[in-house]
Amino acid sequence: MDLCVCNNKNYVVICNYHSNYPEVCPLKKTRTAVIKAMKFIFAGQGFPKIIISDNGPQFTSEEFLKLGENYNFQHKTSSPKPQQSNGLGGKTISIINNLLKNSGEDFYLSLLAYRATPLSCGK
């Protein structure tokens, strides 16, 4: 899980570690909007057991800690170095940035095409 900034807009990006399935939600404000986006995604995908993110203020706030308690997930943080500690997050952000920059007016159609494309790892 991480934030993505593209064309002066903020997004929260969550990628399922087991399926590599990315979720993207636009944000107006980062701290409180991240929690709302997470609740929206969890309502459709189910609750994770573990969330991995960086140590950004939106992931270390009191509200986020309470969300972890209420939704019963463990929060693990990755350090900025070595980057391999959150390799999936970094790769997903890179893919989403490319989709946002190159999809023209319909980002969600590009996201759907990406999600429907079989991955070389078979997931």
PDB file of N, CA and C in Angstrom:
ATOM      1  N   MET A   1       0.846  -1.168   0.000  1.00  0.00           N
ATOM      2  CA  MET A   1       0.000   0.000   0.000  1.00  0.00           C
ATOM      3  C   MET A   1       0.890   1.227   0.000  1.00  0.00           C
ATOM      4  N   ASP A   2       0.551   2.184  -0.873  1.00  0.00           N
ATOM      5  CA  ASP A   2       1.337   3.418  -0.925  1.00  0.00           C
ATOM      6  C   ASP A   2       0.517   4.495  -1.611  1.00  0.00           C
ATOM      7  N   LEU A   3       1.031   5.710  -1.546  1.00  0.00           N
ATOM      8  CA  LEU A   3       0.419   6.820  -2.243  1.00  0.00           C
ATOM      9  C   LEU A   3       1.126   7.031  -3.568  1.00  0.00           C
ATOM     10  N   CYS A   4       0.382   7.519  -4.521  1.00  0.00           N
ATOM     11  CA  CYS A   4       0.903   7.787  -5.853  1.00  0.00           C
ATOM     12  C   CYS A   4       0.471   9.205  -6.221  1.00  0.00           C
ATOM     13  N   VAL A   5       1.377   9.983  -6.760  1.00  0.00           N
ATOM     14  CA  VAL A   5       1.051  11.324  -7.228  1.00  0.00           C
ATOM     15  C   VAL A   5       1.324  11.366  -8.722  1.00  0.00           C
ATOM     16  N   CYS A   6       0.297  11.755  -9.481  1.00  0.00           N
ATOM     17  CA  CYS A   6       0.449  11.865 -10.927  1.00  0.00           C
ATOM     18  C   CYS A   6      -0.406  13.037 -11.406  1.00  0.00           C
ATOM     19  N   ASN A   7       0.177  13.888 -12.216  1.00  0.00           N
ATOM     20  CA  ASN A   7      -0.526  15.062 -12.738  1.00  0.00           C
ATOM     21  C   ASN A   7      -1.156  15.893 -11.621  1.00  0.00           C
ATOM     22  N   ASN A   8      -0.411  16.076 -10.534  1.00  0.00           N
ATOM     23  CA  ASN A   8      -0.837  16.865  -9.374  1.00  0.00           C
ATOM     24  C   ASN A   8      -2.079  16.310  -8.678  1.00  0.00           C
ATOM     25  N   LYS A   9      -2.342  15.016  -8.845  1.00  0.00           N
ATOM     26  CA  LYS A   9      -3.448  14.367  -8.146  1.00  0.00           C
ATOM     27  C   LYS A   9      -2.894  13.226  -7.311  1.00  0.00           C
ATOM     28  N   ASN A  10      -3.492  13.033  -6.131  1.00  0.00           N
ATOM     29  CA  ASN A  10      -3.066  11.965  -5.220  1.00  0.00           C
ATOM     30  C   ASN A  10      -3.975  10.745  -5.364  1.00  0.00           C
ATOM     31  N   TYR A  11      -3.354   9.573  -5.250  1.00  0.00           N
ATOM     32  CA  TYR A  11      -4.073   8.308  -5.298  1.00  0.00           C
ATOM     33  C   TYR A  11      -3.517   7.401  -4.213  1.00  0.00           C
ATOM     34  N   VAL A  12      -4.369   6.534  -3.680  1.00  0.00           N
ATOM     35  CA  VAL A  12      -3.886   5.463  -2.830  1.00  0.00           C
ATOM     36  C   VAL A  12      -3.920   4.206  -3.694  1.00  0.00           C
ATOM     37  N   VAL A  13      -2.825   3.449  -3.628  1.00  0.00           N
ATOM     38  CA  VAL A  13      -2.690   2.227  -4.417  1.00  0.00           C
ATOM     39  C   VAL A  13      -2.480   1.072  -3.446  1.00  0.00           C
ATOM     40  N   ILE A  14      -3.323   0.064  -3.574  1.00  0.00           N
ATOM     41  CA  ILE A  14      -3.212  -1.135  -2.748  1.00  0.00           C
ATOM     42  C   ILE A  14      -3.099  -2.322  -3.698  1.00  0.00           C
ATOM     43  N   CYS A  15      -2.104  -3.165  -3.462  1.00  0.00           N
ATOM     44  CA  CYS A  15      -1.922  -4.333  -4.304  1.00  0.00           C
ATOM     45  C   CYS A  15      -1.947  -5.587  -3.433  1.00  0.00           C
ATOM     46  N   ASN A  16      -2.752  -6.552  -3.849  1.00  0.00           N
ATOM     47  CA  ASN A  16      -2.822  -7.823  -3.149  1.00  0.00           C
ATOM     48  C   ASN A  16      -1.547  -8.610  -3.423  1.00  0.00           C
ATOM     49  N   TYR A  17      -0.851  -8.977  -2.383  1.00  0.00           N
ATOM     50  CA  TYR A  17       0.440  -9.660  -2.519  1.00  0.00           C
ATOM     51  C   TYR A  17       0.312 -11.018  -3.195  1.00  0.00           C
ATOM     52  N   HIS A  18      -0.791 -11.702  -2.975  1.00  0.00           N
ATOM     53  CA  HIS A  18      -0.952 -13.052  -3.515  1.00  0.00           C
ATOM     54  C   HIS A  18      -1.402 -13.065  -4.979  1.00  0.00           C
ATOM     55  N   SER A  19      -2.232 -12.114  -5.374  1.00  0.00           N
ATOM     56  CA  SER A  19      -2.771 -12.116  -6.738  1.00  0.00           C
ATOM     57  C   SER A  19      -2.181 -11.023  -7.627  1.00  0.00           C
ATOM     58  N   ASN A  20      -1.449 -10.078  -7.038  1.00  0.00           N
ATOM     59  CA  ASN A  20      -0.931  -8.897  -7.754  1.00  0.00           C
ATOM     60  C   ASN A  20      -2.056  -8.025  -8.303  1.00  0.00           C
ATOM     61  N   TYR A  21      -3.237  -8.100  -7.743  1.00  0.00           N
ATOM     62  CA  TYR A  21      -4.395  -7.331  -8.198  1.00  0.00           C
ATOM     63  C   TYR A  21      -4.337  -5.940  -7.575  1.00  0.00           C
ATOM     64  N   PRO A  22      -4.202  -4.890  -8.409  1.00  0.00           N
ATOM     65  CA  PRO A  22      -4.104  -3.533  -7.853  1.00  0.00           C
ATOM     66  C   PRO A  22      -5.460  -2.851  -7.720  1.00  0.00           C
ATOM     67  N   GLU A  23      -5.607  -2.074  -6.678  1.00  0.00           N
ATOM     68  CA  GLU A  23      -6.756  -1.197  -6.473  1.00  0.00           C
ATOM     69  C   GLU A  23      -6.230   0.228  -6.418  1.00  0.00           C
ATOM     70  N   VAL A  24      -6.936   1.153  -7.036  1.00  0.00           N
ATOM     71  CA  VAL A  24      -6.517   2.552  -7.096  1.00  0.00           C
ATOM     72  C   VAL A  24      -7.704   3.430  -6.760  1.00  0.00           C
ATOM     73  N   CYS A  25      -7.534   4.348  -5.815  1.00  0.00           N
ATOM     74  CA  CYS A  25      -8.588   5.289  -5.460  1.00  0.00           C
ATOM     75  C   CYS A  25      -8.018   6.705  -5.465  1.00  0.00           C
ATOM     76  N   PRO A  26      -8.679   7.637  -6.153  1.00  0.00           N
ATOM     77  CA  PRO A  26      -8.240   9.033  -6.099  1.00  0.00           C
ATOM     78  C   PRO A  26      -8.526   9.613  -4.720  1.00  0.00           C
ATOM     79  N   LEU A  27      -7.673  10.543  -4.294  1.00  0.00           N
ATOM     80  CA  LEU A  27      -7.805  11.148  -2.973  1.00  0.00           C
ATOM     81  C   LEU A  27      -7.917  12.661  -3.091  1.00  0.00           C
ATOM     82  N   LYS A  28      -8.745  13.243  -2.238  1.00  0.00           N
ATOM     83  CA  LYS A  28      -8.790  14.705  -2.154  1.00  0.00           C
ATOM     84  C   LYS A  28      -7.853  15.178  -1.049  1.00  0.00           C
ATOM     85  N   LYS A  29      -7.957  14.545   0.096  1.00  0.00           N
ATOM     86  CA  LYS A  29      -7.055  14.804   1.219  1.00  0.00           C
ATOM     87  C   LYS A  29      -6.425  13.470   1.562  1.00  0.00           C
ATOM     88  N   THR A  30      -5.154  13.477   1.908  1.00  0.00           N
ATOM     89  CA  THR A  30      -4.489  12.185   2.057  1.00  0.00           C
ATOM     90  C   THR A  30      -4.814  11.463   3.355  1.00  0.00           C
ATOM     91  N   ARG A  31      -4.757  12.111   4.483  1.00  0.00           N
ATOM     92  CA  ARG A  31      -4.844  11.383   5.748  1.00  0.00           C
ATOM     93  C   ARG A  31      -6.198  10.707   5.953  1.00  0.00           C
ATOM     94  N   THR A  32      -7.275  11.464   5.927  1.00  0.00           N
ATOM     95  CA  THR A  32      -8.585  10.865   6.180  1.00  0.00           C
ATOM     96  C   THR A  32      -9.107  10.117   4.959  1.00  0.00           C
ATOM     97  N   ALA A  33      -8.747  10.561   3.762  1.00  0.00           N
ATOM     98  CA  ALA A  33      -9.227   9.906   2.548  1.00  0.00           C
ATOM     99  C   ALA A  33      -8.624   8.517   2.375  1.00  0.00           C
ATOM    100  N   VAL A  34      -7.407   8.302   2.860  1.00  0.00           N
ATOM    101  CA  VAL A  34      -6.784   6.986   2.771  1.00  0.00           C
ATOM    102  C   VAL A  34      -7.633   5.973   3.525  1.00  0.00           C
ATOM    103  N   ILE A  35      -8.085   6.327   4.689  1.00  0.00           N
ATOM    104  CA  ILE A  35      -8.895   5.416   5.499  1.00  0.00           C
ATOM    105  C   ILE A  35     -10.227   5.127   4.814  1.00  0.00           C
ATOM    106  N   LYS A  36     -10.874   6.137   4.250  1.00  0.00           N
ATOM    107  CA  LYS A  36     -12.130   5.920   3.529  1.00  0.00           C
ATOM    108  C   LYS A  36     -11.908   5.027   2.315  1.00  0.00           C
ATOM    109  N   ALA A  37     -10.839   5.250   1.592  1.00  0.00           N
ATOM    110  CA  ALA A  37     -10.529   4.424   0.418  1.00  0.00           C
ATOM    111  C   ALA A  37     -10.283   2.978   0.833  1.00  0.00           C
ATOM    112  N   MET A  38      -9.556   2.785   1.924  1.00  0.00           N
ATOM    113  CA  MET A  38      -9.286   1.434   2.410  1.00  0.00           C
ATOM    114  C   MET A  38     -10.589   0.723   2.770  1.00  0.00           C
ATOM    115  N   LYS A  39     -11.476   1.406   3.466  1.00  0.00           N
ATOM    116  CA  LYS A  39     -12.754   0.799   3.845  1.00  0.00           C
ATOM    117  C   LYS A  39     -13.554   0.413   2.602  1.00  0.00           C
ATOM    118  N   PHE A  40     -13.533   1.275   1.588  1.00  0.00           N
ATOM    119  CA  PHE A  40     -14.241   0.991   0.342  1.00  0.00           C
ATOM    120  C   PHE A  40     -13.662  -0.256  -0.330  1.00  0.00           C
ATOM    121  N   ILE A  41     -12.344  -0.329  -0.418  1.00  0.00           N
ATOM    122  CA  ILE A  41     -11.680  -1.475  -1.046  1.00  0.00           C
ATOM    123  C   ILE A  41     -11.925  -2.750  -0.239  1.00  0.00           C
ATOM    124  N   PHE A  42     -11.803  -2.664   1.074  1.00  0.00           N
ATOM    125  CA  PHE A  42     -12.012  -3.844   1.915  1.00  0.00           C
ATOM    126  C   PHE A  42     -13.451  -4.355   1.810  1.00  0.00           C
ATOM    127  N   ALA A  43     -14.406  -3.441   1.645  1.00  0.00           N
ATOM    128  CA  ALA A  43     -15.802  -3.866   1.518  1.00  0.00           C
ATOM    129  C   ALA A  43     -15.996  -4.724   0.273  1.00  0.00           C
ATOM    130  N   GLY A  44     -15.216  -4.475  -0.764  1.00  0.00           N
ATOM    131  CA  GLY A  44     -15.343  -5.259  -1.990  1.00  0.00           C
ATOM    132  C   GLY A  44     -14.415  -6.450  -2.068  1.00  0.00           C
ATOM    133  N   GLN A  45     -13.243  -6.349  -1.436  1.00  0.00           N
ATOM    134  CA  GLN A  45     -12.222  -7.388  -1.572  1.00  0.00           C
ATOM    135  C   GLN A  45     -12.038  -8.245  -0.323  1.00  0.00           C
ATOM    136  N   GLY A  46     -12.546  -7.780   0.799  1.00  0.00           N
ATOM    137  CA  GLY A  46     -12.326  -8.481   2.059  1.00  0.00           C
ATOM    138  C   GLY A  46     -11.197  -7.826   2.841  1.00  0.00           C
ATOM    139  N   PHE A  47     -11.057  -8.233   4.071  1.00  0.00           N
ATOM    140  CA  PHE A  47     -10.065  -7.631   4.962  1.00  0.00           C
ATOM    141  C   PHE A  47      -8.737  -8.363   4.870  1.00  0.00           C
ATOM    142  N   PRO A  48      -7.645  -7.615   4.792  1.00  0.00           N
ATOM    143  CA  PRO A  48      -6.327  -8.264   4.771  1.00  0.00           C
ATOM    144  C   PRO A  48      -5.905  -8.657   6.181  1.00  0.00           C
ATOM    145  N   LYS A  49      -4.975  -9.577   6.270  1.00  0.00           N
ATOM    146  CA  LYS A  49      -4.385  -9.923   7.560  1.00  0.00           C
ATOM    147  C   LYS A  49      -3.223  -8.997   7.878  1.00  0.00           C
ATOM    148  N   ILE A  50      -2.499  -8.598   6.821  1.00  0.00           N
ATOM    149  CA  ILE A  50      -1.315  -7.744   6.976  1.00  0.00           C
ATOM    150  C   ILE A  50      -1.353  -6.655   5.915  1.00  0.00           C
ATOM    151  N   ILE A  51      -1.013  -5.435   6.309  1.00  0.00           N
ATOM    152  CA  ILE A  51      -0.822  -4.331   5.376  1.00  0.00           C
ATOM    153  C   ILE A  51       0.617  -3.866   5.502  1.00  0.00           C
ATOM    154  N   ILE A  52       1.271  -3.698   4.365  1.00  0.00           N
ATOM    155  CA  ILE A  52       2.640  -3.195   4.334  1.00  0.00           C
ATOM    156  C   ILE A  52       2.615  -1.824   3.678  1.00  0.00           C
ATOM    157  N   SER A  53       3.212  -0.855   4.342  1.00  0.00           N
ATOM    158  CA  SER A  53       3.296   0.498   3.798  1.00  0.00           C
ATOM    159  C   SER A  53       4.586   1.143   4.278  1.00  0.00           C
ATOM    160  N   ASP A  54       4.823   2.367   3.815  1.00  0.00           N
ATOM    161  CA  ASP A  54       5.952   3.109   4.344  1.00  0.00           C
ATOM    162  C   ASP A  54       5.525   3.765   5.659  1.00  0.00           C
ATOM    163  N   ASN A  55       6.338   4.638   6.184  1.00  0.00           N
ATOM    164  CA  ASN A  55       6.050   5.296   7.461  1.00  0.00           C
ATOM    165  C   ASN A  55       5.443   6.677   7.273  1.00  0.00           C
ATOM    166  N   GLY A  56       4.742   6.883   6.171  1.00  0.00           N
ATOM    167  CA  GLY A  56       4.110   8.176   5.919  1.00  0.00           C
ATOM    168  C   GLY A  56       3.110   8.530   7.003  1.00  0.00           C
ATOM    169  N   PRO A  57       2.841   9.817   7.181  1.00  0.00           N
ATOM    170  CA  PRO A  57       1.945  10.248   8.262  1.00  0.00           C
ATOM    171  C   PRO A  57       0.533   9.684   8.147  1.00  0.00           C
ATOM    172  N   GLN A  58       0.070   9.412   6.930  1.00  0.00           N
ATOM    173  CA  GLN A  58      -1.261   8.837   6.764  1.00  0.00           C
ATOM    174  C   GLN A  58      -1.329   7.400   7.255  1.00  0.00           C
ATOM    175  N   PHE A  59      -0.167   6.736   7.374  1.00  0.00           N
ATOM    176  CA  PHE A  59      -0.126   5.348   7.832  1.00  0.00           C
ATOM    177  C   PHE A  59       0.313   5.221   9.291  1.00  0.00           C
ATOM    178  N   THR A  60       0.646   6.324   9.914  1.00  0.00           N
ATOM    179  CA  THR A  60       1.057   6.282  11.313  1.00  0.00           C
ATOM    180  C   THR A  60       0.129   7.116  12.204  1.00  0.00           C
ATOM    181  N   SER A  61      -0.941   7.627  11.618  1.00  0.00           N
ATOM    182  CA  SER A  61      -1.869   8.466  12.383  1.00  0.00           C
ATOM    183  C   SER A  61      -2.657   7.628  13.388  1.00  0.00           C
ATOM    184  N   GLU A  62      -3.234   8.306  14.344  1.00  0.00           N
ATOM    185  CA  GLU A  62      -4.073   7.646  15.344  1.00  0.00           C
ATOM    186  C   GLU A  62      -5.280   6.973  14.687  1.00  0.00           C
ATOM    187  N   GLU A  63      -5.850   7.635  13.675  1.00  0.00           N
ATOM    188  CA  GLU A  63      -7.002   7.074  12.974  1.00  0.00           C
ATOM    189  C   GLU A  63      -6.642   5.761  12.273  1.00  0.00           C
ATOM    190  N   PHE A  64      -5.450   5.718  11.668  1.00  0.00           N
ATOM    191  CA  PHE A  64      -5.017   4.509  10.972  1.00  0.00           C
ATOM    192  C   PHE A  64      -4.788   3.370  11.961  1.00  0.00           C
ATOM    193  N   LEU A  65      -4.182   3.693  13.103  1.00  0.00           N
ATOM    194  CA  LEU A  65      -3.954   2.669  14.131  1.00  0.00           C
ATOM    195  C   LEU A  65      -5.283   2.106  14.642  1.00  0.00           C
ATOM    196  N   LYS A  66      -6.273   2.968  14.827  1.00  0.00           N
ATOM    197  CA  LYS A  66      -7.592   2.507  15.258  1.00  0.00           C
ATOM    198  C   LYS A  66      -8.247   1.637  14.188  1.00  0.00           C
ATOM    199  N   LEU A  67      -8.059   1.998  12.923  1.00  0.00           N
ATOM    200  CA  LEU A  67      -8.600   1.185  11.837  1.00  0.00           C
ATOM    201  C   LEU A  67      -8.018  -0.224  11.887  1.00  0.00           C
ATOM    202  N   GLY A  68      -6.711  -0.320  12.128  1.00  0.00           N
ATOM    203  CA  GLY A  68      -6.066  -1.626  12.237  1.00  0.00           C
ATOM    204  C   GLY A  68      -6.639  -2.456  13.371  1.00  0.00           C
ATOM    205  N   GLU A  69      -6.920  -1.807  14.470  1.00  0.00           N
ATOM    206  CA  GLU A  69      -7.516  -2.516  15.609  1.00  0.00           C
ATOM    207  C   GLU A  69      -8.946  -2.962  15.283  1.00  0.00           C
ATOM    208  N   ASN A  70      -9.728  -2.059  14.702  1.00  0.00           N
ATOM    209  CA  ASN A  70     -11.133  -2.366  14.402  1.00  0.00           C
ATOM    210  C   ASN A  70     -11.283  -3.406  13.299  1.00  0.00           C
ATOM    211  N   TYR A  71     -10.399  -3.372  12.320  1.00  0.00           N
ATOM    212  CA  TYR A  71     -10.505  -4.292  11.189  1.00  0.00           C
ATOM    213  C   TYR A  71      -9.581  -5.494  11.339  1.00  0.00           C
ATOM    214  N   ASN A  72      -8.875  -5.527  12.437  1.00  0.00           N
ATOM    215  CA  ASN A  72      -8.056  -6.679  12.817  1.00  0.00           C
ATOM    216  C   ASN A  72      -6.975  -7.034  11.785  1.00  0.00           C
ATOM    217  N   PHE A  73      -6.209  -6.013  11.346  1.00  0.00           N
ATOM    218  CA  PHE A  73      -5.072  -6.304  10.488  1.00  0.00           C
ATOM    219  C   PHE A  73      -3.790  -5.830  11.157  1.00  0.00           C
ATOM    220  N   GLN A  74      -2.718  -6.483  10.814  1.00  0.00           N
ATOM    221  CA  GLN A  74      -1.397  -6.124  11.327  1.00  0.00           C
ATOM    222  C   GLN A  74      -0.764  -5.157  10.326  1.00  0.00           C
ATOM    223  N   HIS A  75      -0.175  -4.097  10.832  1.00  0.00           N
ATOM    224  CA  HIS A  75       0.470  -3.111   9.969  1.00  0.00           C
ATOM    225  C   HIS A  75       1.978  -3.252  10.084  1.00  0.00           C
ATOM    226  N   LYS A  76       2.610  -3.541   8.954  1.00  0.00           N
ATOM    227  CA  LYS A  76       4.071  -3.613   8.896  1.00  0.00           C
ATOM    228  C   LYS A  76       4.556  -2.476   8.019  1.00  0.00           C
ATOM    229  N   THR A  77       5.655  -1.881   8.427  1.00  0.00           N
ATOM    230  CA  THR A  77       6.213  -0.791   7.630  1.00  0.00           C
ATOM    231  C   THR A  77       7.507  -1.231   6.974  1.00  0.00           C
ATOM    232  N   SER A  78       7.732  -0.687   5.801  1.00  0.00           N
ATOM    233  CA  SER A  78       8.972  -0.966   5.085  1.00  0.00           C
ATOM    234  C   SER A  78       9.845   0.277   5.158  1.00  0.00           C
ATOM    235  N   SER A  79      11.124   0.059   5.169  1.00  0.00           N
ATOM    236  CA  SER A  79      12.045   1.186   5.186  1.00  0.00           C
ATOM    237  C   SER A  79      12.300   1.630   3.753  1.00  0.00           C
ATOM    238  N   PRO A  80      12.667   2.899   3.558  1.00  0.00           N
ATOM    239  CA  PRO A  80      12.939   3.354   2.204  1.00  0.00           C
ATOM    240  C   PRO A  80      14.130   2.634   1.577  1.00  0.00           C
ATOM    241  N   LYS A  81      15.034   2.153   2.397  1.00  0.00           N
ATOM    242  CA  LYS A  81      16.192   1.403   1.893  1.00  0.00           C
ATOM    243  C   LYS A  81      16.377   0.191   2.779  1.00  0.00           C
ATOM    244  N   PRO A  82      16.554  -1.016   2.293  1.00  0.00           N
ATOM    245  CA  PRO A  82      16.596  -1.364   0.873  1.00  0.00           C
ATOM    246  C   PRO A  82      15.203  -1.395   0.272  1.00  0.00           C
ATOM    247  N   GLN A  83      15.101  -1.001  -0.978  1.00  0.00           N
ATOM    248  CA  GLN A  83      13.802  -0.927  -1.640  1.00  0.00           C
ATOM    249  C   GLN A  83      13.169  -2.294  -1.838  1.00  0.00           C
ATOM    250  N   GLN A  84      13.946  -3.368  -1.775  1.00  0.00           N
ATOM    251  CA  GLN A  84      13.386  -4.705  -1.949  1.00  0.00           C
ATOM    252  C   GLN A  84      12.382  -5.039  -0.860  1.00  0.00           C
ATOM    253  N   SER A  85      12.447  -4.344   0.276  1.00  0.00           N
ATOM    254  CA  SER A  85      11.542  -4.660   1.373  1.00  0.00           C
ATOM    255  C   SER A  85      10.085  -4.390   0.998  1.00  0.00           C
ATOM    256  N   ASN A  86       9.849  -3.527   0.018  1.00  0.00           N
ATOM    257  CA  ASN A  86       8.499  -3.311  -0.478  1.00  0.00           C
ATOM    258  C   ASN A  86       8.533  -3.274  -2.005  1.00  0.00           C
ATOM    259  N   GLY A  87       9.156  -4.280  -2.591  1.00  0.00           N
ATOM    260  CA  GLY A  87       9.318  -4.340  -4.038  1.00  0.00           C
ATOM    261  C   GLY A  87       8.008  -4.359  -4.794  1.00  0.00           C
ATOM    262  N   LEU A  88       7.010  -5.107  -4.294  1.00  0.00           N
ATOM    263  CA  LEU A  88       5.719  -5.163  -4.959  1.00  0.00           C
ATOM    264  C   LEU A  88       5.060  -3.789  -4.961  1.00  0.00           C
ATOM    265  N   GLY A  89       5.139  -3.092  -3.844  1.00  0.00           N
ATOM    266  CA  GLY A  89       4.551  -1.757  -3.765  1.00  0.00           C
ATOM    267  C   GLY A  89       5.190  -0.800  -4.752  1.00  0.00           C
ATOM    268  N   GLY A  90       6.506  -0.809  -4.824  1.00  0.00           N
ATOM    269  CA  GLY A  90       7.212   0.065  -5.751  1.00  0.00           C
ATOM    270  C   GLY A  90       6.900  -0.255  -7.198  1.00  0.00           C
ATOM    271  N   LYS A  91       6.848  -1.532  -7.530  1.00  0.00           N
ATOM    272  CA  LYS A  91       6.533  -1.950  -8.901  1.00  0.00           C
ATOM    273  C   LYS A  91       5.096  -1.579  -9.252  1.00  0.00           C
ATOM    274  N   THR A  92       4.175  -1.780  -8.325  1.00  0.00           N
ATOM    275  CA  THR A  92       2.776  -1.438  -8.579  1.00  0.00           C
ATOM    276  C   THR A  92       2.610   0.054  -8.793  1.00  0.00           C
ATOM    277  N   ILE A  93       3.274   0.872  -7.983  1.00  0.00           N
ATOM    278  CA  ILE A  93       3.212   2.326  -8.145  1.00  0.00           C
ATOM    279  C   ILE A  93       3.728   2.710  -9.527  1.00  0.00           C
ATOM    280  N   SER A  94       4.814   2.100  -9.960  1.00  0.00           N
ATOM    281  CA  SER A  94       5.379   2.388 -11.276  1.00  0.00           C
ATOM    282  C   SER A  94       4.374   2.054 -12.389  1.00  0.00           C
ATOM    283  N   ILE A  95       3.725   0.908 -12.286  1.00  0.00           N
ATOM    284  CA  ILE A  95       2.737   0.498 -13.288  1.00  0.00           C
ATOM    285  C   ILE A  95       1.553   1.459 -13.300  1.00  0.00           C
ATOM    286  N   ILE A  96       1.040   1.792 -12.122  1.00  0.00           N
ATOM    287  CA  ILE A  96      -0.113   2.692 -12.029  1.00  0.00           C
ATOM    288  C   ILE A  96       0.245   4.071 -12.556  1.00  0.00           C
ATOM    289  N   ASN A  97       1.443   4.571 -12.243  1.00  0.00           N
ATOM    290  CA  ASN A  97       1.892   5.863 -12.779  1.00  0.00           C
ATOM    291  C   ASN A  97       1.890   5.838 -14.301  1.00  0.00           C
ATOM    292  N   ASN A  98       2.409   4.770 -14.892  1.00  0.00           N
ATOM    293  CA  ASN A  98       2.423   4.652 -16.348  1.00  0.00           C
ATOM    294  C   ASN A  98       1.007   4.626 -16.917  1.00  0.00           C
ATOM    295  N   LEU A  99       0.112   3.898 -16.272  1.00  0.00           N
ATOM    296  CA  LEU A  99      -1.272   3.856 -16.734  1.00  0.00           C
ATOM    297  C   LEU A  99      -1.926   5.232 -16.638  1.00  0.00           C
ATOM    298  N   LEU A 100      -1.687   5.937 -15.531  1.00  0.00           N
ATOM    299  CA  LEU A 100      -2.268   7.264 -15.351  1.00  0.00           C
ATOM    300  C   LEU A 100      -1.753   8.244 -16.400  1.00  0.00           C
ATOM    301  N   LYS A 101      -0.474   8.167 -16.704  1.00  0.00           N
ATOM    302  CA  LYS A 101       0.133   9.107 -17.656  1.00  0.00           C
ATOM    303  C   LYS A 101      -0.245   8.795 -19.102  1.00  0.00           C
ATOM    304  N   ASN A 102      -0.437   7.522 -19.419  1.00  0.00           N
ATOM    305  CA  ASN A 102      -0.583   7.123 -20.812  1.00  0.00           C
ATOM    306  C   ASN A 102      -1.976   6.653 -21.213  1.00  0.00           C
ATOM    307  N   SER A 103      -2.945   6.728 -20.315  1.00  0.00           N
ATOM    308  CA  SER A 103      -4.258   6.165 -20.625  1.00  0.00           C
ATOM    309  C   SER A 103      -5.224   7.166 -21.236  1.00  0.00           C
ATOM    310  N   GLY A 104      -4.793   8.381 -21.429  1.00  0.00           N
ATOM    311  CA  GLY A 104      -5.701   9.377 -21.987  1.00  0.00           C
ATOM    312  C   GLY A 104      -6.796   9.727 -21.002  1.00  0.00           C
ATOM    313  N   GLU A 105      -8.025   9.753 -21.494  1.00  0.00           N
ATOM    314  CA  GLU A 105      -9.136  10.194 -20.649  1.00  0.00           C
ATOM    315  C   GLU A 105      -9.768   9.081 -19.832  1.00  0.00           C
ATOM    316  N   ASP A 106      -9.478   7.826 -20.151  1.00  0.00           N
ATOM    317  CA  ASP A 106     -10.158   6.739 -19.444  1.00  0.00           C
ATOM    318  C   ASP A 106      -9.153   5.821 -18.745  1.00  0.00           C
ATOM    319  N   PHE A 107      -8.660   6.289 -17.609  1.00  0.00           N
ATOM    320  CA  PHE A 107      -7.714   5.517 -16.812  1.00  0.00           C
ATOM    321  C   PHE A 107      -8.308   4.176 -16.407  1.00  0.00           C
ATOM    322  N   TYR A 108      -9.585   4.161 -16.048  1.00  0.00           N
ATOM    323  CA  TYR A 108     -10.177   2.928 -15.527  1.00  0.00           C
ATOM    324  C   TYR A 108     -10.289   1.845 -16.598  1.00  0.00           C
ATOM    325  N   LEU A 109     -10.431   2.235 -17.859  1.00  0.00           N
ATOM    326  CA  LEU A 109     -10.415   1.255 -18.942  1.00  0.00           C
ATOM    327  C   LEU A 109      -9.015   0.646 -19.069  1.00  0.00           C
ATOM    328  N   SER A 110      -7.983   1.474 -18.925  1.00  0.00           N
ATOM    329  CA  SER A 110      -6.605   0.965 -18.951  1.00  0.00           C
ATOM    330  C   SER A 110      -6.334   0.064 -17.756  1.00  0.00           C
ATOM    331  N   LEU A 111      -6.848   0.443 -16.593  1.00  0.00           N
ATOM    332  CA  LEU A 111      -6.669  -0.373 -15.396  1.00  0.00           C
ATOM    333  C   LEU A 111      -7.356  -1.728 -15.576  1.00  0.00           C
ATOM    334  N   LEU A 112      -8.543  -1.730 -16.136  1.00  0.00           N
ATOM    335  CA  LEU A 112      -9.255  -2.977 -16.396  1.00  0.00           C
ATOM    336  C   LEU A 112      -8.463  -3.867 -17.349  1.00  0.00           C
ATOM    337  N   ALA A 113      -7.901  -3.278 -18.409  1.00  0.00           N
ATOM    338  CA  ALA A 113      -7.098  -4.055 -19.361  1.00  0.00           C
ATOM    339  C   ALA A 113      -5.871  -4.637 -18.674  1.00  0.00           C
ATOM    340  N   TYR A 114      -5.231  -3.860 -17.809  1.00  0.00           N
ATOM    341  CA  TYR A 114      -4.062  -4.364 -17.076  1.00  0.00           C
ATOM    342  C   TYR A 114      -4.457  -5.534 -16.175  1.00  0.00           C
ATOM    343  N   ARG A 115      -5.545  -5.372 -15.452  1.00  0.00           N
ATOM    344  CA  ARG A 115      -5.983  -6.425 -14.536  1.00  0.00           C
ATOM    345  C   ARG A 115      -6.351  -7.710 -15.282  1.00  0.00           C
ATOM    346  N   ALA A 116      -6.862  -7.583 -16.491  1.00  0.00           N
ATOM    347  CA  ALA A 116      -7.306  -8.747 -17.253  1.00  0.00           C
ATOM    348  C   ALA A 116      -6.176  -9.443 -17.998  1.00  0.00           C
ATOM    349  N   THR A 117      -5.019  -8.824 -18.057  1.00  0.00           N
ATOM    350  CA  THR A 117      -3.879  -9.401 -18.773  1.00  0.00           C
ATOM    351  C   THR A 117      -3.201 -10.445 -17.897  1.00  0.00           C
ATOM    352  N   PRO A 118      -3.052 -11.680 -18.386  1.00  0.00           N
ATOM    353  CA  PRO A 118      -2.359 -12.700 -17.589  1.00  0.00           C
ATOM    354  C   PRO A 118      -0.905 -12.286 -17.321  1.00  0.00           C
ATOM    355  N   LEU A 119      -0.459 -12.535 -16.115  1.00  0.00           N
ATOM    356  CA  LEU A 119       0.917 -12.208 -15.737  1.00  0.00           C
ATOM    357  C   LEU A 119       1.825 -13.392 -16.045  1.00  0.00           C
ATOM    358  N   SER A 120       3.084 -13.096 -16.293  1.00  0.00           N
ATOM    359  CA  SER A 120       4.021 -14.155 -16.644  1.00  0.00           C
ATOM    360  C   SER A 120       4.244 -15.135 -15.501  1.00  0.00           C
ATOM    361  N   CYS A 121       3.975 -14.715 -14.271  1.00  0.00           N
ATOM    362  CA  CYS A 121       4.166 -15.601 -13.112  1.00  0.00           C
ATOM    363  C   CYS A 121       2.959 -16.511 -12.904  1.00  0.00           C
ATOM    364  N   GLY A 122       1.927 -16.348 -13.742  1.00  0.00           N
ATOM    365  CA  GLY A 122       0.755 -17.218 -13.660  1.00  0.00           C
ATOM    366  C   GLY A 122      -0.303 -16.775 -12.695  1.00  0.00           C
ATOM    367  N   LYS A 123      -0.127 -15.641 -12.035  1.00  0.00           N
ATOM    368  CA  LYS A 123      -1.141 -15.161 -11.079  1.00  0.00           C
ATOM    369  C   LYS A 123      -2.197 -14.365 -11.788  1.00  0.00           C
TER     370      LYS A 123
END
